[in-house]
Amino acid sequence: MVEKEDNVMHPVRCLILPADPGFLVIPSASVAEIVPLSLGDMSTEGSLLGVMAWRGVDVPVYSMEGMTGHSIPEFGKRSKALVFYPWKGSEKNKFFAIATMHDPRPRLLSSDDIEANENEQDENNFISASFLYDGELALIPDLKEISLQR
């Protein structure tokens, strides 16, 4: 998450989301828009909550709690969806979203904010890394793997 150039660590703009089992740390540049969560029918097939219409495109919405093996919370009227850009080389309109019950907090993440995680998470295809942030577990989701879930 911290860019390294000529042995100098540069901070990265991120969004911090409280989630179960810890914080999600998401690079701001990967997020197309944060919108109110609006699902017609919540299907809850595994970690897929359903599909929402966003700017004329059907976008699958996932629960990170479900993807990490935790119970899926009951999302309400204040819940949001983080809509992510398609990956380079994928279909032009292959957007996807992650639901959250909390408003994301913008943060400039530096190497000073990152602490090694002594209790490594179990292997999970949807998590690319974990560390401690403010003494709490922080997870970096593998957005490419999540985007392939369709």
N, C-alpha and C. Protein backbone atom coordinates (compact mmCIF):
# COMPACT_ATOMS: atom_id res chain seq x y z
N MET A 1 0.81 -1.19 0.00
CA MET A 1 0.00 0.00 0.00
C MET A 1 0.86 1.26 0.00
N VAL A 2 2.06 1.20 0.48
CA VAL A 2 2.94 2.36 0.49
C VAL A 2 3.89 2.23 -0.69
N GLU A 3 3.84 3.21 -1.58
CA GLU A 3 4.66 3.15 -2.78
C GLU A 3 6.12 3.40 -2.44
N LYS A 4 7.00 2.62 -3.06
CA LYS A 4 8.43 2.75 -2.80
C LYS A 4 9.13 3.18 -4.08
N GLU A 5 9.89 4.27 -3.98
CA GLU A 5 10.62 4.78 -5.13
C GLU A 5 11.97 5.26 -4.64
N ASP A 6 13.03 4.74 -5.21
CA ASP A 6 14.38 5.11 -4.79
C ASP A 6 14.57 4.98 -3.29
N ASN A 7 14.07 3.89 -2.73
CA ASN A 7 14.15 3.59 -1.30
C ASN A 7 13.47 4.64 -0.41
N VAL A 8 12.58 5.44 -0.98
CA VAL A 8 11.80 6.41 -0.20
C VAL A 8 10.36 5.93 -0.20
N MET A 9 9.78 5.82 0.99
CA MET A 9 8.40 5.37 1.11
C MET A 9 7.46 6.56 0.97
N HIS A 10 6.57 6.51 -0.01
CA HIS A 10 5.61 7.58 -0.24
C HIS A 10 4.26 7.16 0.31
N PRO A 11 3.58 8.05 1.01
CA PRO A 11 2.25 7.71 1.52
C PRO A 11 1.26 7.48 0.38
N VAL A 12 0.23 6.70 0.65
CA VAL A 12 -0.78 6.36 -0.34
C VAL A 12 -2.14 6.80 0.20
N ARG A 13 -2.94 7.43 -0.64
CA ARG A 13 -4.30 7.82 -0.24
C ARG A 13 -5.18 6.58 -0.21
N CYS A 14 -5.82 6.38 0.94
CA CYS A 14 -6.64 5.19 1.14
C CYS A 14 -7.98 5.55 1.76
N LEU A 15 -8.87 4.60 1.73
CA LEU A 15 -10.12 4.68 2.47
C LEU A 15 -10.08 3.59 3.53
N ILE A 16 -10.42 3.95 4.76
CA ILE A 16 -10.44 3.00 5.86
C ILE A 16 -11.91 2.69 6.18
N LEU A 17 -12.24 1.41 6.18
CA LEU A 17 -13.61 0.98 6.46
C LEU A 17 -13.63 0.05 7.67
N PRO A 18 -14.37 0.37 8.71
CA PRO A 18 -14.54 -0.60 9.78
C PRO A 18 -15.33 -1.79 9.24
N ALA A 19 -14.87 -2.99 9.52
CA ALA A 19 -15.55 -4.21 9.05
C ALA A 19 -15.22 -5.33 10.03
N ASP A 20 -15.86 -6.45 9.85
CA ASP A 20 -15.56 -7.61 10.67
C ASP A 20 -14.67 -8.52 9.84
N PRO A 21 -13.48 -8.81 10.22
CA PRO A 21 -12.89 -8.85 11.56
C PRO A 21 -12.03 -7.65 11.92
N GLY A 22 -11.87 -6.66 11.07
CA GLY A 22 -11.02 -5.52 11.38
C GLY A 22 -11.31 -4.41 10.40
N PHE A 23 -10.31 -3.60 10.11
CA PHE A 23 -10.46 -2.51 9.14
C PHE A 23 -10.15 -3.03 7.75
N LEU A 24 -10.84 -2.48 6.75
CA LEU A 24 -10.46 -2.69 5.36
C LEU A 24 -9.70 -1.46 4.93
N VAL A 25 -8.59 -1.64 4.24
CA VAL A 25 -7.79 -0.54 3.72
C VAL A 25 -7.84 -0.65 2.20
N ILE A 26 -8.41 0.39 1.58
CA ILE A 26 -8.65 0.35 0.14
C ILE A 26 -7.99 1.56 -0.52
N PRO A 27 -7.19 1.35 -1.56
CA PRO A 27 -6.60 2.49 -2.27
C PRO A 27 -7.70 3.37 -2.89
N SER A 28 -7.67 4.65 -2.61
CA SER A 28 -8.70 5.57 -3.11
C SER A 28 -8.80 5.55 -4.63
N ALA A 29 -7.68 5.38 -5.32
CA ALA A 29 -7.67 5.41 -6.78
C ALA A 29 -8.46 4.27 -7.41
N SER A 30 -8.76 3.22 -6.65
CA SER A 30 -9.50 2.08 -7.20
C SER A 30 -11.02 2.28 -7.12
N VAL A 31 -11.46 3.31 -6.41
CA VAL A 31 -12.89 3.53 -6.18
C VAL A 31 -13.44 4.54 -7.19
N ALA A 32 -14.45 4.11 -7.94
CA ALA A 32 -15.09 5.00 -8.91
C ALA A 32 -16.04 5.96 -8.21
N GLU A 33 -16.80 5.46 -7.23
CA GLU A 33 -17.76 6.31 -6.52
C GLU A 33 -18.26 5.58 -5.28
N ILE A 34 -18.64 6.36 -4.29
CA ILE A 34 -19.29 5.83 -3.08
C ILE A 34 -20.73 6.31 -3.13
N VAL A 35 -21.66 5.35 -3.12
CA VAL A 35 -23.09 5.67 -3.27
C VAL A 35 -23.90 4.98 -2.19
N PRO A 36 -25.13 5.47 -1.94
CA PRO A 36 -26.00 4.75 -1.01
C PRO A 36 -26.24 3.33 -1.54
N LEU A 37 -26.24 2.36 -0.64
CA LEU A 37 -26.51 0.97 -1.04
C LEU A 37 -27.97 0.85 -1.41
N SER A 38 -28.22 0.40 -2.63
CA SER A 38 -29.59 0.29 -3.13
C SER A 38 -29.74 -1.01 -3.91
N LEU A 39 -30.18 -2.03 -3.20
CA LEU A 39 -30.39 -3.33 -3.84
C LEU A 39 -31.88 -3.61 -3.90
N GLY A 40 -32.36 -4.01 -5.07
CA GLY A 40 -33.77 -4.37 -5.19
C GLY A 40 -34.07 -5.56 -4.31
N ASP A 41 -33.55 -6.70 -4.64
CA ASP A 41 -33.71 -7.91 -3.85
C ASP A 41 -32.34 -8.34 -3.36
N MET A 42 -32.22 -8.49 -2.06
CA MET A 42 -30.95 -8.98 -1.52
C MET A 42 -30.98 -10.49 -1.61
N SER A 43 -30.09 -11.04 -2.42
CA SER A 43 -30.10 -12.48 -2.66
C SER A 43 -29.24 -13.24 -1.65
N THR A 44 -28.17 -12.65 -1.22
CA THR A 44 -27.21 -13.25 -0.30
C THR A 44 -26.84 -14.68 -0.71
N GLU A 45 -26.32 -14.80 -1.91
CA GLU A 45 -25.76 -16.08 -2.38
C GLU A 45 -24.29 -16.06 -2.03
N GLY A 46 -23.92 -16.71 -0.95
CA GLY A 46 -22.55 -16.64 -0.49
C GLY A 46 -22.28 -15.22 -0.05
N SER A 47 -21.28 -14.60 -0.62
CA SER A 47 -20.95 -13.22 -0.25
C SER A 47 -21.57 -12.19 -1.21
N LEU A 48 -22.27 -12.67 -2.25
CA LEU A 48 -22.95 -11.77 -3.18
C LEU A 48 -24.27 -11.33 -2.55
N LEU A 49 -24.43 -10.01 -2.35
CA LEU A 49 -25.65 -9.48 -1.76
C LEU A 49 -26.73 -9.28 -2.80
N GLY A 50 -26.34 -9.04 -4.02
CA GLY A 50 -27.29 -8.78 -5.09
C GLY A 50 -26.64 -7.90 -6.14
N VAL A 51 -27.48 -7.33 -6.99
CA VAL A 51 -27.00 -6.47 -8.07
C VAL A 51 -27.72 -5.14 -7.95
N MET A 52 -26.98 -4.04 -8.13
CA MET A 52 -27.61 -2.72 -8.11
C MET A 52 -27.32 -2.01 -9.43
N ALA A 53 -28.23 -1.13 -9.80
CA ALA A 53 -28.03 -0.33 -11.00
C ALA A 53 -27.21 0.89 -10.61
N TRP A 54 -26.16 1.13 -11.37
CA TRP A 54 -25.30 2.29 -11.13
C TRP A 54 -24.90 2.86 -12.48
N ARG A 55 -25.33 4.08 -12.75
CA ARG A 55 -25.00 4.77 -14.01
C ARG A 55 -25.30 3.93 -15.25
N GLY A 56 -26.43 3.24 -15.22
CA GLY A 56 -26.85 2.44 -16.36
C GLY A 56 -26.19 1.09 -16.48
N VAL A 57 -25.42 0.69 -15.46
CA VAL A 57 -24.71 -0.59 -15.48
C VAL A 57 -25.17 -1.42 -14.28
N ASP A 58 -25.38 -2.72 -14.48
CA ASP A 58 -25.66 -3.62 -13.37
C ASP A 58 -24.35 -3.97 -12.67
N VAL A 59 -24.29 -3.71 -11.38
CA VAL A 59 -23.07 -3.89 -10.61
C VAL A 59 -23.32 -4.92 -9.50
N PRO A 60 -22.57 -6.03 -9.47
CA PRO A 60 -22.72 -6.97 -8.36
C PRO A 60 -22.15 -6.35 -7.08
N VAL A 61 -22.85 -6.57 -5.97
CA VAL A 61 -22.43 -6.01 -4.68
C VAL A 61 -22.09 -7.16 -3.74
N TYR A 62 -20.89 -7.11 -3.15
CA TYR A 62 -20.39 -8.17 -2.29
C TYR A 62 -20.24 -7.70 -0.85
N SER A 63 -20.24 -8.64 0.05
CA SER A 63 -19.97 -8.39 1.47
C SER A 63 -18.58 -8.92 1.79
N MET A 64 -17.69 -8.04 2.27
CA MET A 64 -16.36 -8.50 2.68
C MET A 64 -16.46 -9.40 3.90
N GLU A 65 -17.44 -9.14 4.75
CA GLU A 65 -17.63 -10.02 5.91
C GLU A 65 -17.89 -11.45 5.44
N GLY A 66 -18.76 -11.60 4.44
CA GLY A 66 -19.04 -12.92 3.88
C GLY A 66 -17.82 -13.54 3.21
N MET A 67 -17.03 -12.72 2.54
CA MET A 67 -15.84 -13.22 1.86
C MET A 67 -14.75 -13.65 2.83
N THR A 68 -14.78 -13.12 4.04
CA THR A 68 -13.77 -13.49 5.04
C THR A 68 -14.31 -14.53 6.03
N GLY A 69 -15.49 -15.10 5.73
CA GLY A 69 -16.03 -16.18 6.55
C GLY A 69 -16.78 -15.72 7.79
N HIS A 70 -17.13 -14.45 7.87
CA HIS A 70 -17.90 -13.94 8.99
C HIS A 70 -19.36 -13.77 8.59
N SER A 71 -20.22 -13.59 9.57
CA SER A 71 -21.64 -13.43 9.24
C SER A 71 -21.86 -12.08 8.56
N ILE A 72 -22.77 -12.09 7.60
CA ILE A 72 -23.07 -10.89 6.83
C ILE A 72 -23.99 -10.01 7.67
N PRO A 73 -23.60 -8.74 7.86
CA PRO A 73 -24.44 -7.85 8.67
C PRO A 73 -25.73 -7.48 7.92
N GLU A 74 -26.66 -6.93 8.68
CA GLU A 74 -27.89 -6.43 8.06
C GLU A 74 -27.65 -5.00 7.63
N PHE A 75 -27.54 -4.80 6.34
CA PHE A 75 -27.28 -3.48 5.81
C PHE A 75 -28.58 -2.69 5.83
N GLY A 76 -28.48 -1.42 6.20
CA GLY A 76 -29.67 -0.57 6.33
C GLY A 76 -29.63 0.64 5.43
N LYS A 77 -30.47 1.61 5.79
CA LYS A 77 -30.64 2.82 4.97
C LYS A 77 -29.39 3.68 4.91
N ARG A 78 -28.54 3.62 5.92
CA ARG A 78 -27.32 4.43 5.93
C ARG A 78 -26.13 3.70 5.31
N SER A 79 -26.33 2.48 4.86
CA SER A 79 -25.24 1.70 4.27
C SER A 79 -24.82 2.28 2.92
N LYS A 80 -23.58 2.04 2.59
CA LYS A 80 -23.00 2.56 1.36
C LYS A 80 -22.46 1.40 0.52
N ALA A 81 -22.22 1.71 -0.75
CA ALA A 81 -21.55 0.78 -1.66
C ALA A 81 -20.37 1.51 -2.27
N LEU A 82 -19.22 0.88 -2.20
CA LEU A 82 -18.03 1.40 -2.87
C LEU A 82 -17.97 0.72 -4.22
N VAL A 83 -18.14 1.50 -5.27
CA VAL A 83 -18.11 0.96 -6.63
C VAL A 83 -16.68 1.07 -7.13
N PHE A 84 -16.14 -0.04 -7.62
CA PHE A 84 -14.75 -0.10 -8.05
C PHE A 84 -14.65 -0.10 -9.57
N TYR A 85 -13.58 0.53 -10.05
CA TYR A 85 -13.29 0.53 -11.48
C TYR A 85 -13.00 -0.88 -11.96
N PRO A 86 -13.28 -1.16 -13.25
CA PRO A 86 -12.88 -2.46 -13.82
C PRO A 86 -11.36 -2.54 -13.89
N TRP A 87 -10.84 -3.75 -13.86
CA TRP A 87 -9.39 -3.96 -13.96
C TRP A 87 -8.95 -3.77 -15.39
N LYS A 88 -7.73 -3.27 -15.56
CA LYS A 88 -7.15 -3.10 -16.89
C LYS A 88 -7.17 -4.45 -17.60
N GLY A 89 -7.68 -4.44 -18.80
CA GLY A 89 -7.75 -5.67 -19.57
C GLY A 89 -9.07 -6.40 -19.43
N SER A 90 -9.92 -5.97 -18.49
CA SER A 90 -11.23 -6.62 -18.35
C SER A 90 -12.26 -5.83 -19.16
N GLU A 91 -13.47 -6.33 -19.18
CA GLU A 91 -14.53 -5.66 -19.93
C GLU A 91 -14.71 -4.23 -19.44
N LYS A 92 -15.07 -3.35 -20.35
CA LYS A 92 -15.18 -1.92 -20.07
C LYS A 92 -16.16 -1.62 -18.91
N ASN A 93 -17.26 -2.30 -18.85
CA ASN A 93 -18.28 -2.02 -17.84
C ASN A 93 -18.35 -3.08 -16.74
N LYS A 94 -17.24 -3.70 -16.44
CA LYS A 94 -17.23 -4.75 -15.41
C LYS A 94 -16.91 -4.15 -14.04
N PHE A 95 -17.80 -3.25 -13.60
CA PHE A 95 -17.67 -2.64 -12.28
C PHE A 95 -18.17 -3.65 -11.25
N PHE A 96 -17.76 -3.48 -10.01
CA PHE A 96 -18.28 -4.29 -8.91
C PHE A 96 -18.26 -3.41 -7.67
N ALA A 97 -18.94 -3.85 -6.61
CA ALA A 97 -19.03 -3.01 -5.41
C ALA A 97 -18.91 -3.86 -4.15
N ILE A 98 -18.48 -3.19 -3.09
CA ILE A 98 -18.44 -3.79 -1.76
C ILE A 98 -19.34 -2.94 -0.87
N ALA A 99 -20.21 -3.60 -0.13
CA ALA A 99 -21.14 -2.91 0.78
C ALA A 99 -20.46 -2.63 2.11
N THR A 100 -20.83 -1.52 2.72
CA THR A 100 -20.32 -1.18 4.04
C THR A 100 -21.42 -0.52 4.85
N MET A 101 -21.41 -0.78 6.14
CA MET A 101 -22.38 -0.17 7.04
C MET A 101 -21.88 1.19 7.54
N HIS A 102 -20.63 1.48 7.33
CA HIS A 102 -20.01 2.69 7.87
C HIS A 102 -19.49 3.57 6.74
N ASP A 103 -19.43 4.86 7.01
CA ASP A 103 -18.83 5.76 6.03
C ASP A 103 -17.32 5.54 6.02
N PRO A 104 -16.74 5.44 4.83
CA PRO A 104 -15.28 5.29 4.75
C PRO A 104 -14.59 6.58 5.21
N ARG A 105 -13.43 6.42 5.83
CA ARG A 105 -12.64 7.56 6.27
C ARG A 105 -11.42 7.67 5.36
N PRO A 106 -11.22 8.84 4.73
CA PRO A 106 -10.02 9.01 3.92
C PRO A 106 -8.79 9.09 4.82
N ARG A 107 -7.70 8.55 4.34
CA ARG A 107 -6.47 8.54 5.15
C ARG A 107 -5.28 8.52 4.20
N LEU A 108 -4.24 9.22 4.57
CA LEU A 108 -2.97 9.15 3.87
C LEU A 108 -2.14 8.14 4.65
N LEU A 109 -1.98 6.95 4.13
CA LEU A 109 -1.32 5.85 4.83
C LEU A 109 0.17 5.88 4.55
N SER A 110 0.96 5.89 5.62
CA SER A 110 2.41 5.88 5.47
C SER A 110 2.98 4.65 6.17
N SER A 111 4.25 4.42 5.99
CA SER A 111 4.88 3.25 6.61
C SER A 111 4.83 3.34 8.14
N ASP A 112 4.72 4.55 8.69
CA ASP A 112 4.61 4.71 10.15
C ASP A 112 3.30 4.16 10.70
N ASP A 113 2.27 4.05 9.83
CA ASP A 113 0.96 3.56 10.26
C ASP A 113 0.87 2.04 10.27
N ILE A 114 1.85 1.39 9.66
CA ILE A 114 1.78 -0.06 9.45
C ILE A 114 2.65 -0.78 10.47
N GLU A 115 2.04 -1.77 11.11
CA GLU A 115 2.75 -2.62 12.07
C GLU A 115 2.60 -4.06 11.61
N ALA A 116 3.63 -4.85 11.77
CA ALA A 116 3.55 -6.26 11.38
C ALA A 116 2.46 -6.96 12.17
N ASN A 117 1.79 -7.88 11.52
CA ASN A 117 0.73 -8.66 12.16
C ASN A 117 1.31 -10.01 12.56
N GLU A 118 1.52 -10.20 13.85
CA GLU A 118 2.10 -11.45 14.36
C GLU A 118 1.14 -12.63 14.18
N ASN A 119 -0.15 -12.38 14.25
CA ASN A 119 -1.16 -13.43 14.09
C ASN A 119 -1.69 -13.39 12.67
N GLU A 120 -0.96 -13.98 11.76
CA GLU A 120 -1.35 -13.96 10.34
C GLU A 120 -2.75 -14.53 10.15
N GLN A 121 -3.49 -13.92 9.25
CA GLN A 121 -4.82 -14.40 8.90
C GLN A 121 -4.70 -15.74 8.16
N ASP A 122 -5.73 -16.55 8.26
CA ASP A 122 -5.78 -17.76 7.46
C ASP A 122 -5.73 -17.36 5.99
N GLU A 123 -5.27 -18.29 5.16
CA GLU A 123 -5.23 -18.02 3.73
C GLU A 123 -6.66 -17.74 3.25
N ASN A 124 -6.83 -16.63 2.57
CA ASN A 124 -8.11 -16.25 2.03
C ASN A 124 -7.84 -15.60 0.67
N ASN A 125 -8.49 -16.11 -0.36
CA ASN A 125 -8.27 -15.60 -1.71
C ASN A 125 -8.66 -14.14 -1.87
N PHE A 126 -9.52 -13.64 -1.00
CA PHE A 126 -10.03 -12.28 -1.14
C PHE A 126 -9.24 -11.25 -0.34
N ILE A 127 -8.19 -11.69 0.36
CA ILE A 127 -7.35 -10.79 1.15
C ILE A 127 -5.92 -10.88 0.60
N SER A 128 -5.37 -9.73 0.19
CA SER A 128 -4.00 -9.77 -0.34
C SER A 128 -2.95 -9.54 0.74
N ALA A 129 -3.31 -8.85 1.83
CA ALA A 129 -2.34 -8.62 2.91
C ALA A 129 -3.08 -8.23 4.19
N SER A 130 -2.40 -8.43 5.31
CA SER A 130 -2.94 -7.97 6.59
C SER A 130 -1.81 -7.36 7.41
N PHE A 131 -2.16 -6.41 8.24
CA PHE A 131 -1.21 -5.75 9.13
C PHE A 131 -1.99 -5.13 10.27
N LEU A 132 -1.31 -4.51 11.19
CA LEU A 132 -1.98 -3.82 12.28
C LEU A 132 -2.01 -2.32 11.98
N TYR A 133 -3.17 -1.73 12.17
CA TYR A 133 -3.38 -0.30 11.96
C TYR A 133 -4.02 0.24 13.24
N ASP A 134 -3.37 1.15 13.91
CA ASP A 134 -3.84 1.66 15.21
C ASP A 134 -4.07 0.51 16.19
N GLY A 135 -3.23 -0.52 16.12
CA GLY A 135 -3.34 -1.66 17.02
C GLY A 135 -4.43 -2.65 16.68
N GLU A 136 -5.18 -2.40 15.60
CA GLU A 136 -6.27 -3.28 15.16
C GLU A 136 -5.89 -3.97 13.86
N LEU A 137 -6.49 -5.12 13.62
CA LEU A 137 -6.26 -5.86 12.38
C LEU A 137 -6.75 -5.04 11.20
N ALA A 138 -5.92 -4.91 10.18
CA ALA A 138 -6.29 -4.24 8.94
C ALA A 138 -6.06 -5.20 7.78
N LEU A 139 -7.01 -5.22 6.87
CA LEU A 139 -6.96 -6.13 5.73
C LEU A 139 -7.00 -5.33 4.43
N ILE A 140 -6.16 -5.74 3.50
CA ILE A 140 -6.20 -5.16 2.16
C ILE A 140 -6.89 -6.18 1.27
N PRO A 141 -8.09 -5.85 0.77
CA PRO A 141 -8.80 -6.82 -0.07
C PRO A 141 -8.10 -7.01 -1.41
N ASP A 142 -8.18 -8.21 -1.94
CA ASP A 142 -7.67 -8.50 -3.28
C ASP A 142 -8.79 -8.15 -4.26
N LEU A 143 -8.80 -6.91 -4.70
CA LEU A 143 -9.88 -6.41 -5.53
C LEU A 143 -9.97 -7.14 -6.87
N LYS A 144 -8.84 -7.54 -7.41
CA LYS A 144 -8.87 -8.29 -8.68
C LYS A 144 -9.59 -9.62 -8.49
N GLU A 145 -9.29 -10.32 -7.41
CA GLU A 145 -9.95 -11.61 -7.14
C GLU A 145 -11.44 -11.42 -6.93
N ILE A 146 -11.82 -10.36 -6.21
CA ILE A 146 -13.24 -10.08 -5.99
C ILE A 146 -13.95 -9.79 -7.31
N SER A 147 -13.28 -9.05 -8.19
CA SER A 147 -13.90 -8.69 -9.47
C SER A 147 -14.16 -9.91 -10.35
N LEU A 148 -13.44 -10.99 -10.12
CA LEU A 148 -13.59 -12.21 -10.94
C LEU A 148 -14.73 -13.10 -10.45
N GLN A 149 -15.47 -12.70 -9.43
CA GLN A 149 -16.49 -13.55 -8.84
C GLN A 149 -17.76 -13.69 -9.65
N ARG A 150 -17.95 -12.94 -10.66
CA ARG A 150 -19.21 -13.00 -11.42
C ARG A 150 -19.45 -14.35 -11.99
